[in-house]
């Protein structure tokens, strides 16, 4: 079982090295596609990766499909710059390589490190994603945000997690919400969706309750409270921006993530 690791990047100099190091000894090649970073991302990528390409940003799905097309081996492991292969997952992948699986892909749980602790609730865990898949059986779809991997064939599960260092602090979390709410609002606008009063009042409150109570965010302490509050806030700001777009008739231009 030969695996190509694929990562897309944009100004990830401070986080990329950990991701690249965690892949060593597991995959047969590493492919990095960068969106003309202004920091040292490309230089760092060339230190570890077998192939590095620079490409103007289009959208997440298209960028990842391009990266997959540059992979040589039949299996692809898709990793983000803020993610790491955990020691447990490393061992599981090495054992898997010896078996030669017959399925089309594997879903892998992700565990987030946030505000000084590993989050195990709040709707953030296990957060399974299909990250290991046959190149000829999968494709990314989606024009805006939250791209989806469509796989033809059977999906099996791996037990061990990818470690996800998604936000270094609350300020970065808020900045990401601001950026992705732009894309989320644009997607809703393209679908001709409208902002109703309950989108701004009840839906954010429900998302908070779901994360903090139903998904036991309270067991994650302060981190769980922050996650739950910002989960509701993200819904509010996305619909507020949707209302703004309808009023002004503005289109949000695509941008690197």
C-alpha atoms as a PDB file:
ATOM      1  CA  UNK A   1       0.000   0.000   0.000  1.00  0.00           C
ATOM      2  CA  UNK A   2       1.776   3.124  -1.267  1.00  0.00           C
ATOM      3  CA  UNK A   3       0.531   6.482   0.061  1.00  0.00           C
ATOM      4  CA  UNK A   4       0.992  10.064  -1.142  1.00  0.00           C
ATOM      5  CA  UNK A   5       0.428  12.769   1.488  1.00  0.00           C
ATOM      6  CA  UNK A   6      -1.191  15.965   0.183  1.00  0.00           C
ATOM      7  CA  UNK A   7      -1.299  19.379   1.901  1.00  0.00           C
ATOM      8  CA  UNK A   8      -2.548  22.749   0.605  1.00  0.00           C
ATOM      9  CA  UNK A   9      -1.106  25.867   2.237  1.00  0.00           C
ATOM     10  CA  UNK A  10      -1.193  29.626   2.506  1.00  0.00           C
ATOM     11  CA  UNK A  11       1.105  31.466   4.937  1.00  0.00           C
ATOM     12  CA  UNK A  12       1.559  28.429   7.180  1.00  0.00           C
ATOM     13  CA  UNK A  13       5.246  28.845   8.025  1.00  0.00           C
ATOM     14  CA  UNK A  14       4.660  28.596  11.787  1.00  0.00           C
ATOM     15  CA  UNK A  15       2.566  25.406  11.671  1.00  0.00           C
ATOM     16  CA  UNK A  16       3.560  23.458   8.579  1.00  0.00           C
ATOM     17  CA  UNK A  17       6.754  21.852   9.849  1.00  0.00           C
ATOM     18  CA  UNK A  18       4.963  19.840  12.536  1.00  0.00           C
ATOM     19  CA  UNK A  19       2.562  18.416   9.970  1.00  0.00           C
ATOM     20  CA  UNK A  20       5.358  17.476   7.576  1.00  0.00           C
ATOM     21  CA  UNK A  21       7.445  15.847  10.295  1.00  0.00           C
ATOM     22  CA  UNK A  22       4.501  13.771  11.493  1.00  0.00           C
ATOM     23  CA  UNK A  23       4.177  12.233   8.000  1.00  0.00           C
ATOM     24  CA  UNK A  24       7.757  11.031   7.754  1.00  0.00           C
ATOM     25  CA  UNK A  25       8.151   7.269   7.679  1.00  0.00           C
ATOM     26  CA  UNK A  26       4.472   6.709   6.849  1.00  0.00           C
ATOM     27  CA  UNK A  27       4.025   7.977   3.288  1.00  0.00           C
ATOM     28  CA  UNK A  28       6.017   7.435   0.104  1.00  0.00           C
ATOM     29  CA  UNK A  29       5.826  11.062  -1.010  1.00  0.00           C
ATOM     30  CA  UNK A  30       4.593  14.443   0.199  1.00  0.00           C
ATOM     31  CA  UNK A  31       2.884  16.902  -2.166  1.00  0.00           C
ATOM     32  CA  UNK A  32       2.369  20.536  -1.130  1.00  0.00           C
ATOM     33  CA  UNK A  33       0.312  23.029  -3.156  1.00  0.00           C
ATOM     34  CA  UNK A  34       0.791  26.603  -1.959  1.00  0.00           C
ATOM     35  CA  UNK A  35      -1.236  29.701  -2.810  1.00  0.00           C
ATOM     36  CA  UNK A  36       1.662  32.147  -3.296  1.00  0.00           C
ATOM     37  CA  UNK A  37       2.431  32.550   0.416  1.00  0.00           C
ATOM     38  CA  UNK A  38       4.183  35.750   1.475  1.00  0.00           C
ATOM     39  CA  UNK A  39       6.076  34.090   4.341  1.00  0.00           C
ATOM     40  CA  UNK A  40       8.530  31.180   4.364  1.00  0.00           C
ATOM     41  CA  UNK A  41       5.967  28.451   3.728  1.00  0.00           C
ATOM     42  CA  UNK A  42       7.318  27.416   0.329  1.00  0.00           C
ATOM     43  CA  UNK A  43      10.927  27.317   1.510  1.00  0.00           C
ATOM     44  CA  UNK A  44       9.933  25.155   4.462  1.00  0.00           C
ATOM     45  CA  UNK A  45       7.815  22.872   2.289  1.00  0.00           C
ATOM     46  CA  UNK A  46      10.732  22.237  -0.059  1.00  0.00           C
ATOM     47  CA  UNK A  47      12.781  21.081   2.915  1.00  0.00           C
ATOM     48  CA  UNK A  48      10.453  18.128   3.540  1.00  0.00           C
ATOM     49  CA  UNK A  49       8.151  17.637   0.538  1.00  0.00           C
ATOM     50  CA  UNK A  50       8.940  15.729  -2.637  1.00  0.00           C
ATOM     51  CA  UNK A  51       6.823  18.055  -4.788  1.00  0.00           C
ATOM     52  CA  UNK A  52       5.900  21.705  -4.181  1.00  0.00           C
ATOM     53  CA  UNK A  53       3.610  23.656  -6.494  1.00  0.00           C
ATOM     54  CA  UNK A  54       2.518  27.290  -6.363  1.00  0.00           C
ATOM     55  CA  UNK A  55      -0.979  27.955  -7.641  1.00  0.00           C
ATOM     56  CA  UNK A  56      -3.393  30.888  -7.541  1.00  0.00           C
ATOM     57  CA  UNK A  57      -6.304  30.299  -5.178  1.00  0.00           C
ATOM     58  CA  UNK A  58      -9.652  29.205  -6.626  1.00  0.00           C
ATOM     59  CA  UNK A  59     -11.511  27.402  -3.837  1.00  0.00           C
ATOM     60  CA  UNK A  60     -10.850  24.615  -1.354  1.00  0.00           C
ATOM     61  CA  UNK A  61     -12.234  21.773  -3.454  1.00  0.00           C
ATOM     62  CA  UNK A  62     -10.474  22.790  -6.657  1.00  0.00           C
ATOM     63  CA  UNK A  63      -7.178  23.384  -4.878  1.00  0.00           C
ATOM     64  CA  UNK A  64      -7.302  19.965  -3.226  1.00  0.00           C
ATOM     65  CA  UNK A  65      -8.310  18.199  -6.441  1.00  0.00           C
ATOM     66  CA  UNK A  66      -5.344  19.809  -8.190  1.00  0.00           C
ATOM     67  CA  UNK A  67      -3.062  18.624  -5.392  1.00  0.00           C
ATOM     68  CA  UNK A  68      -4.449  15.097  -5.641  1.00  0.00           C
ATOM     69  CA  UNK A  69      -3.788  15.068  -9.372  1.00  0.00           C
ATOM     70  CA  UNK A  70      -0.081  15.603  -8.677  1.00  0.00           C
ATOM     71  CA  UNK A  71       0.186  12.548  -6.416  1.00  0.00           C
ATOM     72  CA  UNK A  72       1.908   9.487  -7.862  1.00  0.00           C
ATOM     73  CA  UNK A  73       0.628   6.732  -5.605  1.00  0.00           C
ATOM     74  CA  UNK A  74      -2.802   5.045  -5.507  1.00  0.00           C
ATOM     75  CA  UNK A  75      -3.642   6.072  -1.939  1.00  0.00           C
ATOM     76  CA  UNK A  76      -3.828   9.686  -0.729  1.00  0.00           C
ATOM     77  CA  UNK A  77      -3.575  10.922   2.844  1.00  0.00           C
ATOM     78  CA  UNK A  78      -4.999  14.446   3.065  1.00  0.00           C
ATOM     79  CA  UNK A  79      -3.653  16.558   5.928  1.00  0.00           C
ATOM     80  CA  UNK A  80      -3.966  20.243   6.832  1.00  0.00           C
ATOM     81  CA  UNK A  81      -1.027  22.360   7.971  1.00  0.00           C
ATOM     82  CA  UNK A  82      -2.493  22.675  11.479  1.00  0.00           C
ATOM     83  CA  UNK A  83      -2.877  18.915  11.879  1.00  0.00           C
ATOM     84  CA  UNK A  84      -0.512  16.155  13.015  1.00  0.00           C
ATOM     85  CA  UNK A  85      -0.487  12.388  12.728  1.00  0.00           C
ATOM     86  CA  UNK A  86      -0.722  11.198  16.331  1.00  0.00           C
ATOM     87  CA  UNK A  87       1.714   8.474  17.520  1.00  0.00           C
ATOM     88  CA  UNK A  88      -1.223   6.059  17.796  1.00  0.00           C
ATOM     89  CA  UNK A  89      -2.399   6.829  14.269  1.00  0.00           C
ATOM     90  CA  UNK A  90       1.141   6.416  12.970  1.00  0.00           C
ATOM     91  CA  UNK A  91       1.251   2.869  14.305  1.00  0.00           C
ATOM     92  CA  UNK A  92      -2.208   2.098  12.958  1.00  0.00           C
ATOM     93  CA  UNK A  93      -1.262   3.363   9.494  1.00  0.00           C
ATOM     94  CA  UNK A  94       1.947   1.347   9.428  1.00  0.00           C
ATOM     95  CA  UNK A  95       0.002  -1.801  10.283  1.00  0.00           C
ATOM     96  CA  UNK A  96      -2.606  -0.967   7.653  1.00  0.00           C
ATOM     97  CA  UNK A  97       0.021  -0.600   4.942  1.00  0.00           C
ATOM     98  CA  UNK A  98       1.018  -4.219   5.438  1.00  0.00           C
ATOM     99  CA  UNK A  99      -2.540  -5.521   4.929  1.00  0.00           C
ATOM    100  CA  UNK A 100      -3.437  -3.948   1.588  1.00  0.00           C
ATOM    101  CA  UNK A 101      -7.031  -2.807   2.260  1.00  0.00           C
ATOM    102  CA  UNK A 102      -9.861  -3.517  -0.192  1.00  0.00           C
ATOM    103  CA  UNK A 103     -12.100  -0.547   0.665  1.00  0.00           C
ATOM    104  CA  UNK A 104     -12.087   2.873  -1.035  1.00  0.00           C
ATOM    105  CA  UNK A 105     -11.267   5.010   1.995  1.00  0.00           C
ATOM    106  CA  UNK A 106     -10.975   5.432   5.745  1.00  0.00           C
ATOM    107  CA  UNK A 107     -12.526   7.943   8.102  1.00  0.00           C
ATOM    108  CA  UNK A 108     -10.268   9.182  10.897  1.00  0.00           C
ATOM    109  CA  UNK A 109     -11.301  10.969  14.116  1.00  0.00           C
ATOM    110  CA  UNK A 110      -9.823  14.413  14.824  1.00  0.00           C
ATOM    111  CA  UNK A 111      -9.015  15.607  18.319  1.00  0.00           C
ATOM    112  CA  UNK A 112      -8.581  19.350  18.859  1.00  0.00           C
ATOM    113  CA  UNK A 113      -6.125  20.963  21.266  1.00  0.00           C
ATOM    114  CA  UNK A 114      -7.715  24.230  22.378  1.00  0.00           C
ATOM    115  CA  UNK A 115      -7.049  26.631  25.261  1.00  0.00           C
ATOM    116  CA  UNK A 116      -4.586  24.285  26.915  1.00  0.00           C
ATOM    117  CA  UNK A 117      -6.518  21.016  26.757  1.00  0.00           C
ATOM    118  CA  UNK A 118      -7.649  18.206  24.467  1.00  0.00           C
ATOM    119  CA  UNK A 119     -11.331  18.673  23.658  1.00  0.00           C
ATOM    120  CA  UNK A 120     -13.403  15.500  23.909  1.00  0.00           C
ATOM    121  CA  UNK A 121     -16.945  16.914  23.718  1.00  0.00           C
ATOM    122  CA  UNK A 122     -18.672  20.156  22.544  1.00  0.00           C
ATOM    123  CA  UNK A 123     -19.385  18.655  19.119  1.00  0.00           C
ATOM    124  CA  UNK A 124     -15.679  18.803  18.274  1.00  0.00           C
ATOM    125  CA  UNK A 125     -14.908  15.126  18.869  1.00  0.00           C
ATOM    126  CA  UNK A 126     -14.681  12.624  17.269  1.00  0.00           C
ATOM    127  CA  UNK A 127     -15.316  14.834  14.177  1.00  0.00           C
ATOM    128  CA  UNK A 128     -14.560  12.009  11.752  1.00  0.00           C
ATOM    129  CA  UNK A 129     -13.245  12.954   8.311  1.00  0.00           C
ATOM    130  CA  UNK A 130     -12.322  10.796   5.324  1.00  0.00           C
ATOM    131  CA  UNK A 131      -8.628  11.540   5.009  1.00  0.00           C
ATOM    132  CA  UNK A 132      -7.176   8.334   3.578  1.00  0.00           C
ATOM    133  CA  UNK A 133      -8.637   7.299   0.226  1.00  0.00           C
ATOM    134  CA  UNK A 134      -7.949   5.786  -3.163  1.00  0.00           C
ATOM    135  CA  UNK A 135      -6.982   8.455  -5.655  1.00  0.00           C
ATOM    136  CA  UNK A 136      -9.170   7.027  -8.426  1.00  0.00           C
ATOM    137  CA  UNK A 137     -12.231   6.703  -6.194  1.00  0.00           C
ATOM    138  CA  UNK A 138     -12.525  10.167  -4.667  1.00  0.00           C
ATOM    139  CA  UNK A 139     -12.990  13.837  -5.536  1.00  0.00           C
ATOM    140  CA  UNK A 140     -13.541  17.035  -3.581  1.00  0.00           C
ATOM    141  CA  UNK A 141     -16.745  19.004  -4.194  1.00  0.00           C
ATOM    142  CA  UNK A 142     -17.996  22.424  -3.045  1.00  0.00           C
ATOM    143  CA  UNK A 143     -17.458  25.976  -4.318  1.00  0.00           C
ATOM    144  CA  UNK A 144     -17.336  27.962  -1.094  1.00  0.00           C
ATOM    145  CA  UNK A 145     -16.527  26.622   2.356  1.00  0.00           C
ATOM    146  CA  UNK A 146     -16.689  23.178   4.015  1.00  0.00           C
ATOM    147  CA  UNK A 147     -15.650  21.223   0.971  1.00  0.00           C
ATOM    148  CA  UNK A 148     -16.781  17.590   0.906  1.00  0.00           C
ATOM    149  CA  UNK A 149     -14.894  14.519  -0.212  1.00  0.00           C
ATOM    150  CA  UNK A 150     -17.089  12.236  -2.327  1.00  0.00           C
ATOM    151  CA  UNK A 151     -15.854   8.650  -2.379  1.00  0.00           C
ATOM    152  CA  UNK A 152     -17.107   5.831  -4.596  1.00  0.00           C
ATOM    153  CA  UNK A 153     -17.083   2.632  -2.579  1.00  0.00           C
ATOM    154  CA  UNK A 154     -16.883   1.346   0.968  1.00  0.00           C
ATOM    155  CA  UNK A 155     -15.545   3.507   3.805  1.00  0.00           C
ATOM    156  CA  UNK A 156     -13.992   1.893   6.877  1.00  0.00           C
ATOM    157  CA  UNK A 157     -12.942   3.476  10.172  1.00  0.00           C
ATOM    158  CA  UNK A 158      -9.578   3.960  11.822  1.00  0.00           C
ATOM    159  CA  UNK A 159      -9.540   4.275  15.615  1.00  0.00           C
ATOM    160  CA  UNK A 160      -6.630   6.627  16.329  1.00  0.00           C
ATOM    161  CA  UNK A 161      -6.935  10.402  15.890  1.00  0.00           C
ATOM    162  CA  UNK A 162      -5.388  13.154  13.868  1.00  0.00           C
ATOM    163  CA  UNK A 163      -4.283  15.853  16.303  1.00  0.00           C
ATOM    164  CA  UNK A 164      -5.753  19.201  15.294  1.00  0.00           C
ATOM    165  CA  UNK A 165      -4.214  22.482  16.474  1.00  0.00           C
ATOM    166  CA  UNK A 166      -6.886  24.594  14.837  1.00  0.00           C
ATOM    167  CA  UNK A 167      -6.800  27.808  16.925  1.00  0.00           C
ATOM    168  CA  UNK A 168      -3.897  29.080  18.994  1.00  0.00           C
ATOM    169  CA  UNK A 169      -6.101  31.446  20.991  1.00  0.00           C
ATOM    170  CA  UNK A 170      -9.572  32.984  21.138  1.00  0.00           C
ATOM    171  CA  UNK A 171      -8.545  35.913  18.921  1.00  0.00           C
ATOM    172  CA  UNK A 172      -7.542  33.523  16.141  1.00  0.00           C
ATOM    173  CA  UNK A 173     -10.793  31.619  16.604  1.00  0.00           C
ATOM    174  CA  UNK A 174     -12.782  34.847  16.180  1.00  0.00           C
ATOM    175  CA  UNK A 175     -10.737  35.821  13.128  1.00  0.00           C
ATOM    176  CA  UNK A 176     -11.493  32.467  11.508  1.00  0.00           C
ATOM    177  CA  UNK A 177     -15.197  32.832  12.237  1.00  0.00           C
ATOM    178  CA  UNK A 178     -15.136  36.255  10.580  1.00  0.00           C
ATOM    179  CA  UNK A 179     -13.408  34.908   7.492  1.00  0.00           C
ATOM    180  CA  UNK A 180     -15.485  31.761   7.078  1.00  0.00           C
ATOM    181  CA  UNK A 181     -18.764  33.533   7.811  1.00  0.00           C
ATOM    182  CA  UNK A 182     -18.095  35.607   4.685  1.00  0.00           C
ATOM    183  CA  UNK A 183     -17.918  32.446   2.598  1.00  0.00           C
ATOM    184  CA  UNK A 184     -20.834  30.870   4.437  1.00  0.00           C
ATOM    185  CA  UNK A 185     -23.022  33.898   3.814  1.00  0.00           C
ATOM    186  CA  UNK A 186     -22.028  33.946   0.146  1.00  0.00           C
ATOM    187  CA  UNK A 187     -22.956  30.273  -0.196  1.00  0.00           C
ATOM    188  CA  UNK A 188     -26.393  30.934   1.318  1.00  0.00           C
ATOM    189  CA  UNK A 189     -26.813  33.941  -0.987  1.00  0.00           C
ATOM    190  CA  UNK A 190     -25.963  31.816  -4.034  1.00  0.00           C
ATOM    191  CA  UNK A 191     -28.657  29.370  -2.908  1.00  0.00           C
ATOM    192  CA  UNK A 192     -31.172  32.275  -2.718  1.00  0.00           C
ATOM    193  CA  UNK A 193     -31.569  31.788   1.044  1.00  0.00           C
ATOM    194  CA  UNK A 194     -32.877  34.687   3.135  1.00  0.00           C
ATOM    195  CA  UNK A 195     -32.104  35.735   6.699  1.00  0.00           C
ATOM    196  CA  UNK A 196     -35.136  35.424   8.976  1.00  0.00           C
ATOM    197  CA  UNK A 197     -35.468  36.686  12.546  1.00  0.00           C
ATOM    198  CA  UNK A 198     -35.145  33.184  14.012  1.00  0.00           C
ATOM    199  CA  UNK A 199     -31.781  32.765  12.262  1.00  0.00           C
ATOM    200  CA  UNK A 200     -30.485  35.640  14.382  1.00  0.00           C
ATOM    201  CA  UNK A 201     -32.236  34.819  17.656  1.00  0.00           C
ATOM    202  CA  UNK A 202     -33.242  31.188  18.119  1.00  0.00           C
ATOM    203  CA  UNK A 203     -30.784  29.350  15.882  1.00  0.00           C
ATOM    204  CA  UNK A 204     -27.621  30.763  17.569  1.00  0.00           C
ATOM    205  CA  UNK A 205     -29.151  30.006  21.001  1.00  0.00           C
ATOM    206  CA  UNK A 206     -30.026  26.457  19.949  1.00  0.00           C
ATOM    207  CA  UNK A 207     -26.512  25.861  18.621  1.00  0.00           C
ATOM    208  CA  UNK A 208     -25.092  27.022  21.972  1.00  0.00           C
ATOM    209  CA  UNK A 209     -27.398  24.698  23.917  1.00  0.00           C
ATOM    210  CA  UNK A 210     -26.636  21.804  21.600  1.00  0.00           C
ATOM    211  CA  UNK A 211     -22.869  22.220  21.996  1.00  0.00           C
ATOM    212  CA  UNK A 212     -22.816  22.994  25.731  1.00  0.00           C
ATOM    213  CA  UNK A 213     -25.589  20.727  27.017  1.00  0.00           C
ATOM    214  CA  UNK A 214     -26.556  18.067  24.471  1.00  0.00           C
ATOM    215  CA  UNK A 215     -22.979  17.495  23.336  1.00  0.00           C
ATOM    216  CA  UNK A 216     -21.652  17.911  26.887  1.00  0.00           C
ATOM    217  CA  UNK A 217     -19.415  20.887  26.267  1.00  0.00           C
ATOM    218  CA  UNK A 218     -19.575  21.607  30.006  1.00  0.00           C
ATOM    219  CA  UNK A 219     -17.266  18.608  30.521  1.00  0.00           C
ATOM    220  CA  UNK A 220     -14.561  20.465  28.571  1.00  0.00           C
ATOM    221  CA  UNK A 221     -14.419  23.232  31.170  1.00  0.00           C
ATOM    222  CA  UNK A 222     -13.651  26.782  30.089  1.00  0.00           C
ATOM    223  CA  UNK A 223     -12.683  25.588  26.610  1.00  0.00           C
ATOM    224  CA  UNK A 224     -16.102  23.960  26.237  1.00  0.00           C
ATOM    225  CA  UNK A 225     -17.887  27.151  27.272  1.00  0.00           C
ATOM    226  CA  UNK A 226     -15.923  29.248  24.779  1.00  0.00           C
ATOM    227  CA  UNK A 227     -16.501  26.725  21.986  1.00  0.00           C
ATOM    228  CA  UNK A 228     -20.233  26.616  22.675  1.00  0.00           C
ATOM    229  CA  UNK A 229     -20.664  30.393  22.819  1.00  0.00           C
ATOM    230  CA  UNK A 230     -18.660  30.932  19.647  1.00  0.00           C
ATOM    231  CA  UNK A 231     -20.558  28.135  17.886  1.00  0.00           C
ATOM    232  CA  UNK A 232     -23.745  30.160  18.397  1.00  0.00           C
ATOM    233  CA  UNK A 233     -21.993  33.399  17.496  1.00  0.00           C
ATOM    234  CA  UNK A 234     -20.722  31.921  14.216  1.00  0.00           C
ATOM    235  CA  UNK A 235     -24.296  31.155  13.168  1.00  0.00           C
ATOM    236  CA  UNK A 236     -25.458  34.651  14.107  1.00  0.00           C
ATOM    237  CA  UNK A 237     -22.726  36.472  12.181  1.00  0.00           C
ATOM    238  CA  UNK A 238     -23.142  34.263   9.097  1.00  0.00           C
ATOM    239  CA  UNK A 239     -26.842  35.117   8.810  1.00  0.00           C
ATOM    240  CA  UNK A 240     -26.262  38.759   9.714  1.00  0.00           C
ATOM    241  CA  UNK A 241     -23.804  38.967   6.802  1.00  0.00           C
ATOM    242  CA  UNK A 242     -26.318  37.224   4.566  1.00  0.00           C
ATOM    243  CA  UNK A 243     -28.846  39.943   5.385  1.00  0.00           C
ATOM    244  CA  UNK A 244     -26.201  42.575   4.636  1.00  0.00           C
ATOM    245  CA  UNK A 245     -25.488  41.015   1.236  1.00  0.00           C
ATOM    246  CA  UNK A 246     -29.171  41.034   0.275  1.00  0.00           C
ATOM    247  CA  UNK A 247     -29.482  44.686   1.282  1.00  0.00           C
ATOM    248  CA  UNK A 248     -26.382  45.832  -0.581  1.00  0.00           C
ATOM    249  CA  UNK A 249     -26.306  43.273  -3.367  1.00  0.00           C
ATOM    250  CA  UNK A 250     -22.595  42.730  -2.786  1.00  0.00           C
ATOM    251  CA  UNK A 251     -20.590  39.714  -3.793  1.00  0.00           C
ATOM    252  CA  UNK A 252     -17.752  38.546  -1.569  1.00  0.00           C
ATOM    253  CA  UNK A 253     -14.684  37.778  -3.627  1.00  0.00           C
ATOM    254  CA  UNK A 254     -12.849  34.457  -3.146  1.00  0.00           C
ATOM    255  CA  UNK A 255      -9.703  34.636  -1.047  1.00  0.00           C
ATOM    256  CA  UNK A 256      -7.002  32.301   0.241  1.00  0.00           C
ATOM    257  CA  UNK A 257      -7.923  30.643   3.483  1.00  0.00           C
END
